[in-house]
């Protein structure tokens, strides 16, 4: 018979889950919240109430997406959203080298150092998100198998 402890996550699985949370929710939202904060300050200083309204809507959409992301992949161990994240990160990594040669992007950057740091940061972020999404998907698949096994034994 399958006991209750077989449905608990191991210490290594919990580390992967926490790192996935950081790379999928924590880091991107920290950057977005900081940019929205500066957007709000600029909108208030310039009395641009439409910009305030749109910033508020983006913030609400961000909160909804954080909840969906957290619930579907972390709280309720699912695999479909994680698969989409794996595909998205892979596509982003494939498109990243194309951006290296985009004339408009190069012209808009003030220095090649800033551009290089941005590209390196984006590549690192996408590789980390790809890796941890893949690992979390494996963990969630195992958890679903454990739950199905437990249901089969109980019934």
Protein backbone atom coordinates (compact mmCIF):
# COMPACT_ATOMS: atom_id res chain seq x y z
CA UNK A 1 0.00 0.00 0.00
CA UNK A 2 1.19 3.52 -0.79
CA UNK A 3 1.60 5.66 2.29
CA UNK A 4 1.06 9.41 2.69
CA UNK A 5 4.80 10.16 2.73
CA UNK A 6 5.16 8.88 -0.84
CA UNK A 7 3.16 11.91 -1.97
CA UNK A 8 5.53 14.35 -0.26
CA UNK A 9 8.33 16.04 -2.16
CA UNK A 10 11.94 15.16 -1.40
CA UNK A 11 14.45 17.78 -0.30
CA UNK A 12 16.01 17.88 -3.79
CA UNK A 13 12.59 18.21 -5.41
CA UNK A 14 11.74 21.11 -3.09
CA UNK A 15 15.02 22.85 -4.04
CA UNK A 16 14.14 22.55 -7.73
CA UNK A 17 10.61 23.78 -7.05
CA UNK A 18 11.93 26.85 -5.19
CA UNK A 19 14.44 27.65 -7.92
CA UNK A 20 11.72 27.31 -10.55
CA UNK A 21 9.58 29.76 -8.55
CA UNK A 22 12.47 32.23 -8.50
CA UNK A 23 13.16 32.02 -12.25
CA UNK A 24 9.54 31.82 -13.41
CA UNK A 25 7.85 34.21 -11.01
CA UNK A 26 10.27 36.00 -8.71
CA UNK A 27 12.91 37.44 -11.01
CA UNK A 28 10.66 38.45 -13.95
CA UNK A 29 8.10 40.04 -11.65
CA UNK A 30 10.75 41.92 -9.71
CA UNK A 31 11.92 43.50 -12.95
CA UNK A 32 8.36 44.23 -14.10
CA UNK A 33 7.31 45.73 -10.77
CA UNK A 34 10.38 48.00 -10.76
CA UNK A 35 9.61 49.20 -14.30
CA UNK A 36 5.94 49.73 -13.38
CA UNK A 37 7.00 51.72 -10.33
CA UNK A 38 9.05 54.06 -12.52
CA UNK A 39 6.16 54.17 -15.00
CA UNK A 40 3.79 55.23 -12.21
CA UNK A 41 6.15 57.95 -11.02
CA UNK A 42 6.54 59.29 -14.55
CA UNK A 43 2.77 59.17 -15.13
CA UNK A 44 2.05 61.02 -11.87
CA UNK A 45 4.68 63.66 -12.52
CA UNK A 46 3.37 64.26 -16.03
CA UNK A 47 -0.31 63.98 -14.95
CA UNK A 48 -0.86 61.32 -17.60
CA UNK A 49 -3.91 59.57 -16.19
CA UNK A 50 -4.27 57.17 -19.13
CA UNK A 51 -0.75 55.94 -18.46
CA UNK A 52 -1.71 55.43 -14.80
CA UNK A 53 -4.78 53.48 -15.87
CA UNK A 54 -2.81 51.24 -18.27
CA UNK A 55 -0.09 50.67 -15.69
CA UNK A 56 -2.74 49.59 -13.20
CA UNK A 57 -4.26 47.19 -15.77
CA UNK A 58 -0.84 45.72 -16.54
CA UNK A 59 -0.27 45.25 -12.82
CA UNK A 60 -3.60 43.39 -12.48
CA UNK A 61 -2.76 41.21 -15.50
CA UNK A 62 0.62 40.49 -13.93
CA UNK A 63 -0.99 39.39 -10.67
CA UNK A 64 -3.43 37.12 -12.52
CA UNK A 65 -0.61 35.56 -14.55
CA UNK A 66 1.46 35.03 -11.38
CA UNK A 67 -1.45 33.23 -9.76
CA UNK A 68 -2.11 31.06 -12.83
CA UNK A 69 1.57 30.23 -13.14
CA UNK A 70 1.90 29.39 -9.46
CA UNK A 71 -1.30 27.39 -9.23
CA UNK A 72 -1.04 25.39 -12.47
CA UNK A 73 2.61 24.39 -12.21
CA UNK A 74 3.50 24.59 -8.54
CA UNK A 75 0.50 24.30 -6.23
CA UNK A 76 -1.44 21.83 -8.38
CA UNK A 77 1.43 19.89 -9.98
CA UNK A 78 0.59 20.12 -13.66
CA UNK A 79 2.68 19.60 -16.79
CA UNK A 80 0.94 21.47 -19.62
CA UNK A 81 1.92 24.99 -18.55
CA UNK A 82 5.46 23.77 -17.90
CA UNK A 83 5.58 22.31 -21.41
CA UNK A 84 4.54 25.70 -22.81
CA UNK A 85 7.28 27.36 -20.74
CA UNK A 86 9.84 24.87 -22.10
CA UNK A 87 8.75 25.60 -25.68
CA UNK A 88 8.74 29.36 -25.05
CA UNK A 89 12.20 29.34 -23.47
CA UNK A 90 13.55 27.21 -26.31
CA UNK A 91 12.12 29.53 -28.94
CA UNK A 92 13.49 32.54 -27.10
CA UNK A 93 16.95 30.97 -27.06
CA UNK A 94 16.68 30.25 -30.79
CA UNK A 95 15.63 33.82 -31.57
CA UNK A 96 18.26 35.41 -29.31
CA UNK A 97 21.17 35.06 -31.82
CA UNK A 98 19.04 36.76 -34.49
CA UNK A 99 18.79 39.80 -32.21
CA UNK A 100 22.57 40.03 -32.08
CA UNK A 101 22.59 41.14 -35.71
CA UNK A 102 19.45 43.31 -35.72
CA UNK A 103 20.57 46.76 -36.88
CA UNK A 104 17.71 48.63 -35.18
CA UNK A 105 18.45 47.05 -31.80
CA UNK A 106 22.17 47.73 -32.18
CA UNK A 107 21.54 51.36 -33.13
CA UNK A 108 19.25 51.92 -30.16
CA UNK A 109 21.76 50.63 -27.64
CA UNK A 110 24.07 53.24 -26.16
CA UNK A 111 27.01 50.93 -25.78
CA UNK A 112 27.91 47.44 -26.79
CA UNK A 113 28.63 46.60 -23.14
CA UNK A 114 25.01 47.22 -22.13
CA UNK A 115 23.81 45.22 -25.13
CA UNK A 116 26.19 42.36 -24.32
CA UNK A 117 25.07 42.29 -20.69
CA UNK A 118 21.42 42.28 -21.75
CA UNK A 119 21.96 39.41 -24.20
CA UNK A 120 23.96 37.43 -21.64
CA UNK A 121 21.30 38.03 -18.98
CA UNK A 122 18.49 37.00 -21.30
CA UNK A 123 20.37 33.86 -22.37
CA UNK A 124 21.15 32.93 -18.75
CA UNK A 125 17.55 33.54 -17.69
CA UNK A 126 16.12 31.45 -20.55
CA UNK A 127 18.55 28.57 -19.98
CA UNK A 128 17.76 28.55 -16.25
CA UNK A 129 14.01 28.73 -16.88
CA UNK A 130 14.25 25.97 -19.48
CA UNK A 131 16.24 23.73 -17.14
CA UNK A 132 14.07 24.26 -14.06
CA UNK A 133 10.82 23.99 -16.03
CA UNK A 134 12.01 20.69 -17.46
CA UNK A 135 13.03 19.41 -14.01
CA UNK A 136 9.78 20.57 -12.41
CA UNK A 137 7.80 18.91 -15.21
CA UNK A 138 9.58 15.63 -14.43
CA UNK A 139 8.81 16.06 -10.72
CA UNK A 140 5.16 16.84 -11.45
CA UNK A 141 4.88 13.79 -13.72
CA UNK A 142 6.25 11.60 -10.92
CA UNK A 143 3.85 13.19 -8.44
CA UNK A 144 0.89 12.53 -10.74
CA UNK A 145 2.02 8.92 -11.15
CA UNK A 146 2.27 8.55 -7.35
CA UNK A 147 -1.24 9.98 -6.94
CA UNK A 148 -2.65 7.66 -9.61
CA UNK A 149 -0.91 4.70 -7.98
CA UNK A 150 -2.35 5.68 -4.62
CA UNK A 151 -5.85 6.02 -6.09
CA UNK A 152 -5.54 2.62 -7.75
CA UNK A 153 -4.50 0.98 -4.46
CA UNK A 154 -7.28 2.68 -2.47
CA UNK A 155 -10.03 1.70 -4.91
